[in-house]
Amino acid sequence: MSPRQRKALFNEQNVPPGGVCLSSFVLVRSGGNVLVGKMAKPEVWIDRFFVGEKFAPDYVASGKYLLPARHLAWYESPLEAAESVIRDQAELLIPRRGLRLLGVQSHVRGDVNSSEQPPHWDICFLYEMRVPARTARQLKVPPWFKDFHFAPLSSLLVSDFTRGHGDILQEAGLLSNP
């Protein structure tokens, strides 16, 4: 039986060789703008937001944007993770009803025949939150970001983002450019 014909039942003995990541992304909008940031302090991203320790320094060095997002903790729901992203990463206050699920995406990267780049499966929950212009103007830059602001969505390219975050926006139909 080929790897593609097996049931995707994940337990300690049965995961793709490259692993599986569950993540919640939050598209924070204010008018036609979206909240983006550039990482600083990789150690904070590793400890607080579950970014892999071998990847965080590269993401910081890239100087590219990312969306407010993080991997889920054990037994945490995607909505709980999205709430945590808003509260703990973006440092915004919103009521729970302020988040709306836009969709779920699945990305498989890697090669089933490669031991150096085995398949890795990302399952991404994309939420949306809208904030008034006043909140956008009062945004403070948390210390784990070197840049954190609202940018016109129409001016962003997929290639402006690190960690596949541009791909998330493109698959959601929000960025049509390469």
N, C-alpha and C. Protein backbone atom coordinates (compact mmCIF):
# COMPACT_ATOMS: atom_id res chain seq x y z
N MET A 1 0.85 -1.17 0.00
CA MET A 1 0.00 0.00 0.00
C MET A 1 0.90 1.24 0.00
N SER A 2 0.63 2.18 -0.89
CA SER A 2 1.44 3.40 -0.96
C SER A 2 1.07 4.34 0.19
N PRO A 3 1.97 5.28 0.55
CA PRO A 3 1.66 6.22 1.63
C PRO A 3 0.38 7.01 1.39
N ARG A 4 0.05 7.25 0.13
CA ARG A 4 -1.15 8.02 -0.18
C ARG A 4 -2.44 7.22 0.01
N GLN A 5 -2.33 5.91 0.17
CA GLN A 5 -3.52 5.08 0.32
C GLN A 5 -3.83 4.74 1.77
N ARG A 6 -3.01 5.23 2.71
CA ARG A 6 -3.25 4.95 4.12
C ARG A 6 -4.13 6.01 4.74
N LYS A 7 -4.92 5.60 5.69
CA LYS A 7 -5.78 6.51 6.43
C LYS A 7 -4.90 7.51 7.19
N ALA A 8 -5.31 8.76 7.22
CA ALA A 8 -4.56 9.80 7.92
C ALA A 8 -4.95 9.77 9.40
N LEU A 9 -4.60 8.70 10.06
CA LEU A 9 -4.83 8.55 11.49
C LEU A 9 -3.52 8.86 12.20
N PHE A 10 -3.50 9.95 12.95
CA PHE A 10 -2.25 10.37 13.56
C PHE A 10 -2.18 9.94 15.02
N ASN A 11 -1.13 9.23 15.33
CA ASN A 11 -0.78 8.89 16.71
C ASN A 11 0.73 8.81 16.76
N GLU A 12 1.29 8.47 17.91
CA GLU A 12 2.74 8.50 18.05
C GLU A 12 3.46 7.59 17.06
N GLN A 13 2.84 6.52 16.65
CA GLN A 13 3.48 5.59 15.72
C GLN A 13 3.11 5.86 14.26
N ASN A 14 2.25 6.80 14.01
CA ASN A 14 1.73 6.99 12.66
C ASN A 14 1.57 8.48 12.34
N VAL A 15 2.66 9.11 11.92
CA VAL A 15 2.62 10.49 11.46
C VAL A 15 3.46 10.58 10.19
N PRO A 16 3.20 11.55 9.34
CA PRO A 16 4.05 11.71 8.17
C PRO A 16 5.50 11.94 8.63
N PRO A 17 6.48 11.47 7.87
CA PRO A 17 7.88 11.60 8.28
C PRO A 17 8.30 13.04 8.59
N GLY A 18 7.72 14.01 7.90
CA GLY A 18 8.05 15.41 8.14
C GLY A 18 7.18 16.08 9.18
N GLY A 19 6.20 15.35 9.72
CA GLY A 19 5.32 15.86 10.77
C GLY A 19 4.07 16.53 10.25
N VAL A 20 3.25 16.96 11.19
CA VAL A 20 1.99 17.64 10.92
C VAL A 20 1.92 18.86 11.83
N CYS A 21 1.58 20.00 11.28
CA CYS A 21 1.39 21.20 12.08
C CYS A 21 -0.05 21.67 11.94
N LEU A 22 -0.65 21.99 13.07
CA LEU A 22 -1.97 22.62 13.11
C LEU A 22 -1.75 24.06 13.52
N SER A 23 -2.27 25.01 12.75
CA SER A 23 -2.03 26.42 13.02
C SER A 23 -3.30 27.23 12.88
N SER A 24 -3.38 28.30 13.65
CA SER A 24 -4.44 29.29 13.49
C SER A 24 -3.81 30.60 13.03
N PHE A 25 -4.37 31.14 11.97
CA PHE A 25 -3.96 32.42 11.40
C PHE A 25 -5.11 33.39 11.61
N VAL A 26 -4.78 34.65 11.87
CA VAL A 26 -5.84 35.65 12.02
C VAL A 26 -5.56 36.79 11.06
N LEU A 27 -6.47 36.99 10.15
CA LEU A 27 -6.42 38.11 9.22
C LEU A 27 -7.11 39.27 9.93
N VAL A 28 -6.32 40.21 10.43
CA VAL A 28 -6.85 41.37 11.15
C VAL A 28 -6.97 42.49 10.14
N ARG A 29 -8.20 42.93 9.92
CA ARG A 29 -8.46 43.95 8.90
C ARG A 29 -8.94 45.25 9.52
N SER A 30 -8.54 46.34 8.88
CA SER A 30 -9.07 47.65 9.18
C SER A 30 -9.26 48.34 7.84
N GLY A 31 -10.49 48.46 7.40
CA GLY A 31 -10.76 48.96 6.06
C GLY A 31 -10.14 48.02 5.04
N GLY A 32 -9.38 48.54 4.10
CA GLY A 32 -8.71 47.72 3.09
C GLY A 32 -7.31 47.29 3.50
N ASN A 33 -6.99 47.49 4.78
CA ASN A 33 -5.66 47.15 5.28
C ASN A 33 -5.68 45.87 6.10
N VAL A 34 -4.52 45.24 6.16
CA VAL A 34 -4.37 43.99 6.92
C VAL A 34 -3.13 44.13 7.82
N LEU A 35 -3.22 43.52 9.01
CA LEU A 35 -2.12 43.60 9.98
C LEU A 35 -1.02 42.61 9.60
N VAL A 36 0.19 43.14 9.46
CA VAL A 36 1.37 42.33 9.14
C VAL A 36 2.50 42.73 10.07
N GLY A 37 3.44 41.83 10.23
CA GLY A 37 4.59 42.14 11.07
C GLY A 37 5.83 41.43 10.58
N LYS A 38 6.96 41.90 11.06
CA LYS A 38 8.25 41.25 10.78
C LYS A 38 8.81 40.80 12.12
N MET A 39 9.25 39.55 12.17
CA MET A 39 9.70 38.95 13.41
C MET A 39 10.98 39.60 13.94
N ALA A 40 11.06 39.66 15.26
CA ALA A 40 12.29 39.98 16.00
C ALA A 40 12.36 38.97 17.13
N LYS A 41 13.48 38.84 17.75
CA LYS A 41 13.66 37.97 18.91
C LYS A 41 13.18 36.53 18.65
N PRO A 42 13.94 35.75 17.88
CA PRO A 42 13.51 34.39 17.56
C PRO A 42 13.23 33.53 18.80
N GLU A 43 13.93 33.79 19.91
CA GLU A 43 13.71 32.99 21.11
C GLU A 43 12.28 33.14 21.65
N VAL A 44 11.70 34.32 21.48
CA VAL A 44 10.31 34.53 21.90
C VAL A 44 9.37 33.74 21.01
N TRP A 45 9.64 33.75 19.72
CA TRP A 45 8.80 33.02 18.77
C TRP A 45 8.87 31.52 19.03
N ILE A 46 10.02 31.03 19.40
CA ILE A 46 10.18 29.61 19.71
C ILE A 46 9.42 29.25 20.98
N ASP A 47 9.62 30.02 22.03
CA ASP A 47 9.03 29.71 23.34
C ASP A 47 7.54 30.01 23.43
N ARG A 48 7.10 31.13 22.89
CA ARG A 48 5.71 31.57 23.09
C ARG A 48 4.77 31.19 21.95
N PHE A 49 5.31 31.14 20.72
CA PHE A 49 4.42 30.98 19.58
C PHE A 49 4.71 29.73 18.78
N PHE A 50 5.53 28.82 19.33
CA PHE A 50 5.76 27.48 18.80
C PHE A 50 6.40 27.43 17.41
N VAL A 51 7.22 28.41 17.09
CA VAL A 51 7.97 28.37 15.83
C VAL A 51 9.17 27.45 16.05
N GLY A 52 9.47 26.59 15.09
CA GLY A 52 10.58 25.66 15.21
C GLY A 52 11.91 26.37 15.41
N GLU A 53 12.72 25.86 16.35
CA GLU A 53 13.97 26.55 16.68
C GLU A 53 14.96 26.58 15.53
N LYS A 54 14.88 25.63 14.61
CA LYS A 54 15.81 25.69 13.48
C LYS A 54 15.32 26.66 12.39
N PHE A 55 14.05 27.09 12.46
CA PHE A 55 13.50 27.97 11.44
C PHE A 55 13.41 29.44 11.88
N ALA A 56 13.16 29.69 13.15
CA ALA A 56 12.91 31.06 13.63
C ALA A 56 14.01 32.04 13.24
N PRO A 57 15.31 31.71 13.42
CA PRO A 57 16.33 32.69 13.02
C PRO A 57 16.29 33.03 11.52
N ASP A 58 15.96 32.05 10.69
CA ASP A 58 15.85 32.31 9.25
C ASP A 58 14.67 33.23 8.93
N TYR A 59 13.56 33.04 9.63
CA TYR A 59 12.39 33.89 9.40
C TYR A 59 12.71 35.33 9.81
N VAL A 60 13.41 35.50 10.93
CA VAL A 60 13.80 36.85 11.36
C VAL A 60 14.73 37.46 10.32
N ALA A 61 15.73 36.70 9.89
CA ALA A 61 16.73 37.21 8.93
C ALA A 61 16.11 37.53 7.57
N SER A 62 15.00 36.89 7.21
CA SER A 62 14.38 37.12 5.90
C SER A 62 13.89 38.56 5.76
N GLY A 63 13.51 39.18 6.87
CA GLY A 63 12.96 40.53 6.81
C GLY A 63 11.61 40.60 6.13
N LYS A 64 10.94 39.46 6.01
CA LYS A 64 9.64 39.42 5.35
C LYS A 64 8.50 39.41 6.37
N TYR A 65 7.32 39.71 5.87
CA TYR A 65 6.14 39.79 6.71
C TYR A 65 5.61 38.41 7.10
N LEU A 66 4.81 38.42 8.14
CA LEU A 66 3.97 37.29 8.48
C LEU A 66 2.67 37.83 9.04
N LEU A 67 1.68 36.98 9.06
CA LEU A 67 0.39 37.32 9.66
C LEU A 67 0.42 36.93 11.12
N PRO A 68 -0.42 37.51 11.95
CA PRO A 68 -0.54 37.00 13.31
C PRO A 68 -1.01 35.54 13.24
N ALA A 69 -0.21 34.64 13.81
CA ALA A 69 -0.51 33.21 13.71
C ALA A 69 0.37 32.45 14.68
N ARG A 70 -0.05 31.22 14.97
CA ARG A 70 0.80 30.31 15.74
C ARG A 70 0.27 28.90 15.63
N HIS A 71 1.14 27.95 15.98
CA HIS A 71 0.73 26.56 16.03
C HIS A 71 -0.15 26.33 17.26
N LEU A 72 -1.01 25.33 17.18
CA LEU A 72 -1.86 24.98 18.31
C LEU A 72 -1.05 24.23 19.37
N ALA A 73 -1.44 24.44 20.61
CA ALA A 73 -0.89 23.66 21.72
C ALA A 73 -1.72 22.38 21.85
N TRP A 74 -1.18 21.40 22.54
CA TRP A 74 -1.92 20.15 22.78
C TRP A 74 -3.29 20.47 23.39
N TYR A 75 -4.32 19.86 22.87
CA TYR A 75 -5.71 19.93 23.37
C TYR A 75 -6.33 21.32 23.23
N GLU A 76 -5.73 22.18 22.45
CA GLU A 76 -6.27 23.51 22.23
C GLU A 76 -7.08 23.50 20.94
N SER A 77 -8.20 24.18 20.94
CA SER A 77 -9.00 24.27 19.72
C SER A 77 -8.41 25.35 18.82
N PRO A 78 -8.70 25.29 17.53
CA PRO A 78 -8.24 26.36 16.63
C PRO A 78 -8.74 27.74 17.05
N LEU A 79 -9.99 27.82 17.54
CA LEU A 79 -10.52 29.11 17.98
C LEU A 79 -9.77 29.61 19.21
N GLU A 80 -9.45 28.73 20.15
CA GLU A 80 -8.68 29.14 21.32
C GLU A 80 -7.30 29.65 20.91
N ALA A 81 -6.68 28.99 19.94
CA ALA A 81 -5.37 29.44 19.45
C ALA A 81 -5.49 30.81 18.78
N ALA A 82 -6.55 31.01 18.00
CA ALA A 82 -6.76 32.31 17.33
C ALA A 82 -6.97 33.41 18.37
N GLU A 83 -7.72 33.12 19.42
CA GLU A 83 -7.92 34.10 20.49
C GLU A 83 -6.58 34.44 21.15
N SER A 84 -5.76 33.42 21.36
CA SER A 84 -4.44 33.62 21.95
C SER A 84 -3.55 34.47 21.04
N VAL A 85 -3.64 34.23 19.74
CA VAL A 85 -2.86 35.03 18.78
C VAL A 85 -3.22 36.50 18.93
N ILE A 86 -4.49 36.80 19.00
CA ILE A 86 -4.93 38.19 19.11
C ILE A 86 -4.52 38.80 20.44
N ARG A 87 -4.75 38.05 21.51
CA ARG A 87 -4.46 38.56 22.86
C ARG A 87 -2.96 38.62 23.16
N ASP A 88 -2.24 37.51 22.91
CA ASP A 88 -0.86 37.38 23.37
C ASP A 88 0.20 37.77 22.33
N GLN A 89 -0.12 37.64 21.06
CA GLN A 89 0.87 37.96 20.03
C GLN A 89 0.65 39.37 19.51
N ALA A 90 -0.60 39.69 19.14
CA ALA A 90 -0.90 41.01 18.59
C ALA A 90 -1.23 42.03 19.67
N GLU A 91 -1.50 41.53 20.89
CA GLU A 91 -1.85 42.37 22.03
C GLU A 91 -3.05 43.28 21.73
N LEU A 92 -4.08 42.69 21.15
CA LEU A 92 -5.34 43.38 20.89
C LEU A 92 -6.42 42.76 21.77
N LEU A 93 -7.40 43.56 22.14
CA LEU A 93 -8.53 43.07 22.92
C LEU A 93 -9.74 42.99 22.02
N ILE A 94 -10.33 41.81 21.98
CA ILE A 94 -11.55 41.64 21.18
C ILE A 94 -12.47 40.66 21.89
N PRO A 95 -13.76 40.81 21.68
CA PRO A 95 -14.67 39.80 22.22
C PRO A 95 -14.59 38.54 21.36
N ARG A 96 -14.89 37.39 21.94
CA ARG A 96 -14.81 36.11 21.23
C ARG A 96 -15.61 36.15 19.92
N ARG A 97 -16.74 36.77 19.95
CA ARG A 97 -17.57 36.82 18.74
C ARG A 97 -16.94 37.67 17.65
N GLY A 98 -15.82 38.34 17.95
CA GLY A 98 -15.13 39.16 16.97
C GLY A 98 -14.33 38.37 15.95
N LEU A 99 -14.13 37.08 16.19
CA LEU A 99 -13.40 36.22 15.25
C LEU A 99 -14.37 35.41 14.41
N ARG A 100 -14.09 35.35 13.12
CA ARG A 100 -14.94 34.59 12.20
C ARG A 100 -14.06 33.64 11.40
N LEU A 101 -14.42 32.37 11.37
CA LEU A 101 -13.67 31.39 10.59
C LEU A 101 -13.90 31.64 9.10
N LEU A 102 -12.80 31.88 8.38
CA LEU A 102 -12.89 32.07 6.93
C LEU A 102 -12.76 30.75 6.19
N GLY A 103 -11.94 29.85 6.73
CA GLY A 103 -11.77 28.57 6.05
C GLY A 103 -10.62 27.77 6.65
N VAL A 104 -10.48 26.57 6.13
CA VAL A 104 -9.41 25.67 6.55
C VAL A 104 -8.64 25.29 5.29
N GLN A 105 -7.32 25.34 5.39
CA GLN A 105 -6.46 25.01 4.26
C GLN A 105 -5.53 23.87 4.65
N SER A 106 -5.16 23.09 3.66
CA SER A 106 -4.22 22.00 3.89
C SER A 106 -3.12 22.09 2.85
N HIS A 107 -1.88 22.08 3.34
CA HIS A 107 -0.72 22.18 2.46
C HIS A 107 0.20 21.02 2.75
N VAL A 108 0.58 20.27 1.74
CA VAL A 108 1.57 19.20 1.90
C VAL A 108 2.80 19.60 1.11
N ARG A 109 3.93 19.63 1.81
CA ARG A 109 5.19 19.98 1.15
C ARG A 109 6.17 18.84 1.40
N GLY A 110 7.05 18.64 0.45
CA GLY A 110 8.04 17.58 0.58
C GLY A 110 7.77 16.47 -0.41
N ASP A 111 8.57 15.44 -0.32
CA ASP A 111 8.51 14.34 -1.27
C ASP A 111 8.44 13.03 -0.51
N VAL A 112 7.44 12.19 -0.82
CA VAL A 112 7.28 10.92 -0.11
C VAL A 112 8.47 10.00 -0.31
N ASN A 113 9.27 10.26 -1.33
CA ASN A 113 10.44 9.41 -1.60
C ASN A 113 11.75 10.02 -1.10
N SER A 114 11.68 11.13 -0.36
CA SER A 114 12.89 11.81 0.08
C SER A 114 13.06 11.68 1.60
N SER A 115 14.26 11.31 2.02
CA SER A 115 14.55 11.29 3.45
C SER A 115 15.05 12.65 3.92
N GLU A 116 15.54 13.48 2.98
CA GLU A 116 16.03 14.81 3.34
C GLU A 116 14.91 15.84 3.44
N GLN A 117 13.90 15.70 2.59
CA GLN A 117 12.76 16.60 2.63
C GLN A 117 11.47 15.77 2.58
N PRO A 118 11.21 15.00 3.66
CA PRO A 118 10.02 14.16 3.67
C PRO A 118 8.76 15.02 3.75
N PRO A 119 7.62 14.46 3.43
CA PRO A 119 6.37 15.22 3.45
C PRO A 119 6.07 15.81 4.82
N HIS A 120 5.63 17.04 4.80
CA HIS A 120 5.16 17.74 6.00
C HIS A 120 3.77 18.25 5.67
N TRP A 121 2.84 18.06 6.58
CA TRP A 121 1.46 18.45 6.35
C TRP A 121 1.11 19.62 7.27
N ASP A 122 0.66 20.72 6.68
CA ASP A 122 0.17 21.88 7.43
C ASP A 122 -1.34 21.95 7.28
N ILE A 123 -2.03 22.02 8.40
CA ILE A 123 -3.48 22.23 8.40
C ILE A 123 -3.69 23.58 9.07
N CYS A 124 -4.21 24.53 8.30
CA CYS A 124 -4.28 25.93 8.72
C CYS A 124 -5.73 26.39 8.83
N PHE A 125 -6.06 26.93 9.99
CA PHE A 125 -7.38 27.50 10.24
C PHE A 125 -7.23 29.01 10.10
N LEU A 126 -7.97 29.59 9.17
CA LEU A 126 -7.87 31.02 8.89
C LEU A 126 -9.09 31.74 9.44
N TYR A 127 -8.84 32.65 10.38
CA TYR A 127 -9.89 33.45 10.98
C TYR A 127 -9.75 34.89 10.52
N GLU A 128 -10.83 35.63 10.65
CA GLU A 128 -10.82 37.06 10.30
C GLU A 128 -11.34 37.84 11.49
N MET A 129 -10.77 39.01 11.67
CA MET A 129 -11.21 39.93 12.70
C MET A 129 -11.14 41.33 12.12
N ARG A 130 -12.15 42.12 12.33
CA ARG A 130 -12.14 43.51 11.84
C ARG A 130 -12.01 44.44 13.03
N VAL A 131 -11.17 45.45 12.85
CA VAL A 131 -10.99 46.45 13.90
C VAL A 131 -11.26 47.83 13.32
N PRO A 132 -11.78 48.73 14.16
CA PRO A 132 -12.03 50.09 13.67
C PRO A 132 -10.72 50.83 13.42
N ALA A 133 -10.79 51.87 12.61
CA ALA A 133 -9.61 52.67 12.25
C ALA A 133 -8.92 53.22 13.51
N ARG A 134 -9.70 53.58 14.52
CA ARG A 134 -9.13 54.11 15.76
C ARG A 134 -8.21 53.07 16.41
N THR A 135 -8.63 51.81 16.45
CA THR A 135 -7.80 50.74 17.01
C THR A 135 -6.54 50.56 16.17
N ALA A 136 -6.67 50.61 14.87
CA ALA A 136 -5.52 50.46 13.97
C ALA A 136 -4.51 51.58 14.20
N ARG A 137 -4.99 52.80 14.41
CA ARG A 137 -4.09 53.94 14.63
C ARG A 137 -3.36 53.85 15.98
N GLN A 138 -3.98 53.19 16.95
CA GLN A 138 -3.40 53.10 18.30
C GLN A 138 -2.55 51.84 18.50
N LEU A 139 -2.35 51.08 17.44
CA LEU A 139 -1.60 49.83 17.53
C LEU A 139 -0.18 50.07 18.04
N LYS A 140 0.23 49.25 18.98
CA LYS A 140 1.60 49.32 19.50
C LYS A 140 2.38 48.13 18.97
N VAL A 141 3.68 48.30 18.79
CA VAL A 141 4.53 47.23 18.27
C VAL A 141 5.03 46.40 19.46
N PRO A 142 4.57 45.13 19.57
CA PRO A 142 5.08 44.27 20.64
C PRO A 142 6.58 44.02 20.44
N PRO A 143 7.32 43.75 21.51
CA PRO A 143 8.78 43.60 21.40
C PRO A 143 9.25 42.42 20.55
N TRP A 144 8.39 41.46 20.23
CA TRP A 144 8.80 40.32 19.40
C TRP A 144 8.61 40.60 17.92
N PHE A 145 8.19 41.82 17.60
CA PHE A 145 8.11 42.29 16.22
C PHE A 145 9.09 43.44 16.05
N LYS A 146 9.75 43.50 14.88
CA LYS A 146 10.55 44.70 14.58
C LYS A 146 9.74 45.67 13.73
N ASP A 147 8.65 45.20 13.19
CA ASP A 147 7.73 46.03 12.41
C ASP A 147 6.36 45.39 12.57
N PHE A 148 5.36 46.19 12.79
CA PHE A 148 4.01 45.67 13.03
C PHE A 148 3.05 46.79 12.68
N HIS A 149 2.34 46.64 11.56
CA HIS A 149 1.48 47.72 11.11
C HIS A 149 0.39 47.19 10.17
N PHE A 150 -0.55 48.06 9.87
CA PHE A 150 -1.58 47.75 8.88
C PHE A 150 -1.09 48.20 7.52
N ALA A 151 -1.11 47.30 6.56
CA ALA A 151 -0.67 47.60 5.19
C ALA A 151 -1.83 47.37 4.23
N PRO A 152 -1.88 48.14 3.16
CA PRO A 152 -2.94 47.91 2.16
C PRO A 152 -2.80 46.51 1.57
N LEU A 153 -3.84 45.72 1.67
CA LEU A 153 -3.81 44.36 1.13
C LEU A 153 -3.51 44.39 -0.36
N SER A 154 -4.00 45.40 -1.05
CA SER A 154 -3.79 45.51 -2.50
C SER A 154 -2.33 45.72 -2.88
N SER A 155 -1.49 46.14 -1.93
CA SER A 155 -0.08 46.40 -2.25
C SER A 155 0.83 45.22 -1.90
N LEU A 156 0.29 44.17 -1.32
CA LEU A 156 1.10 43.05 -0.87
C LEU A 156 1.19 41.95 -1.92
N LEU A 157 2.36 41.33 -1.99
CA LEU A 157 2.60 40.20 -2.88
C LEU A 157 2.83 38.95 -2.05
N VAL A 158 2.57 37.80 -2.62
CA VAL A 158 2.83 36.53 -1.94
C VAL A 158 4.30 36.48 -1.49
N SER A 159 5.19 36.98 -2.32
CA SER A 159 6.62 36.93 -2.03
C SER A 159 7.05 37.89 -0.92
N ASP A 160 6.16 38.77 -0.45
CA ASP A 160 6.47 39.67 0.66
C ASP A 160 6.45 38.95 2.01
N PHE A 161 5.96 37.70 2.01
CA PHE A 161 5.74 36.97 3.25
C PHE A 161 6.71 35.81 3.43
N THR A 162 7.01 35.50 4.68
CA THR A 162 7.79 34.33 5.04
C THR A 162 6.86 33.25 5.59
N ARG A 163 7.38 32.06 5.84
CA ARG A 163 6.66 30.97 6.48
C ARG A 163 5.42 30.51 5.70
N GLY A 164 5.31 30.82 4.42
CA GLY A 164 4.14 30.41 3.65
C GLY A 164 2.90 31.25 3.92
N HIS A 165 3.05 32.35 4.65
CA HIS A 165 1.88 33.17 4.98
C HIS A 165 1.26 33.82 3.75
N GLY A 166 2.07 34.15 2.76
CA GLY A 166 1.53 34.68 1.52
C GLY A 166 0.69 33.63 0.79
N ASP A 167 1.12 32.36 0.90
CA ASP A 167 0.34 31.27 0.29
C ASP A 167 -1.04 31.16 0.93
N ILE A 168 -1.11 31.39 2.23
CA ILE A 168 -2.38 31.34 2.95
C ILE A 168 -3.33 32.39 2.37
N LEU A 169 -2.81 33.60 2.19
CA LEU A 169 -3.65 34.67 1.63
C LEU A 169 -4.03 34.41 0.19
N GLN A 170 -3.10 33.85 -0.58
CA GLN A 170 -3.40 33.55 -1.98
C GLN A 170 -4.48 32.46 -2.10
N GLU A 171 -4.34 31.40 -1.31
CA GLU A 171 -5.33 30.32 -1.38
C GLU A 171 -6.70 30.79 -0.91
N ALA A 172 -6.73 31.77 -0.01
CA ALA A 172 -8.00 32.32 0.46
C ALA A 172 -8.62 33.28 -0.56
N GLY A 173 -7.91 33.52 -1.66
CA GLY A 173 -8.41 34.41 -2.71
C GLY A 173 -8.20 35.88 -2.40
N LEU A 174 -7.31 36.17 -1.44
CA LEU A 174 -7.09 37.56 -1.04
C LEU A 174 -5.89 38.20 -1.72
N LEU A 175 -4.97 37.38 -2.20
CA LEU A 175 -3.84 37.87 -3.00
C LEU A 175 -3.86 37.08 -4.31
N SER A 176 -3.97 37.80 -5.39
CA SER A 176 -4.03 37.10 -6.68
C SER A 176 -2.70 37.17 -7.42
N ASN A 177 -1.77 37.92 -6.86
CA ASN A 177 -0.48 38.07 -7.55
C ASN A 177 0.52 37.03 -7.07
N PRO A 178 1.51 36.73 -7.90
CA PRO A 178 2.51 35.70 -7.51
C PRO A 178 3.41 36.15 -6.38
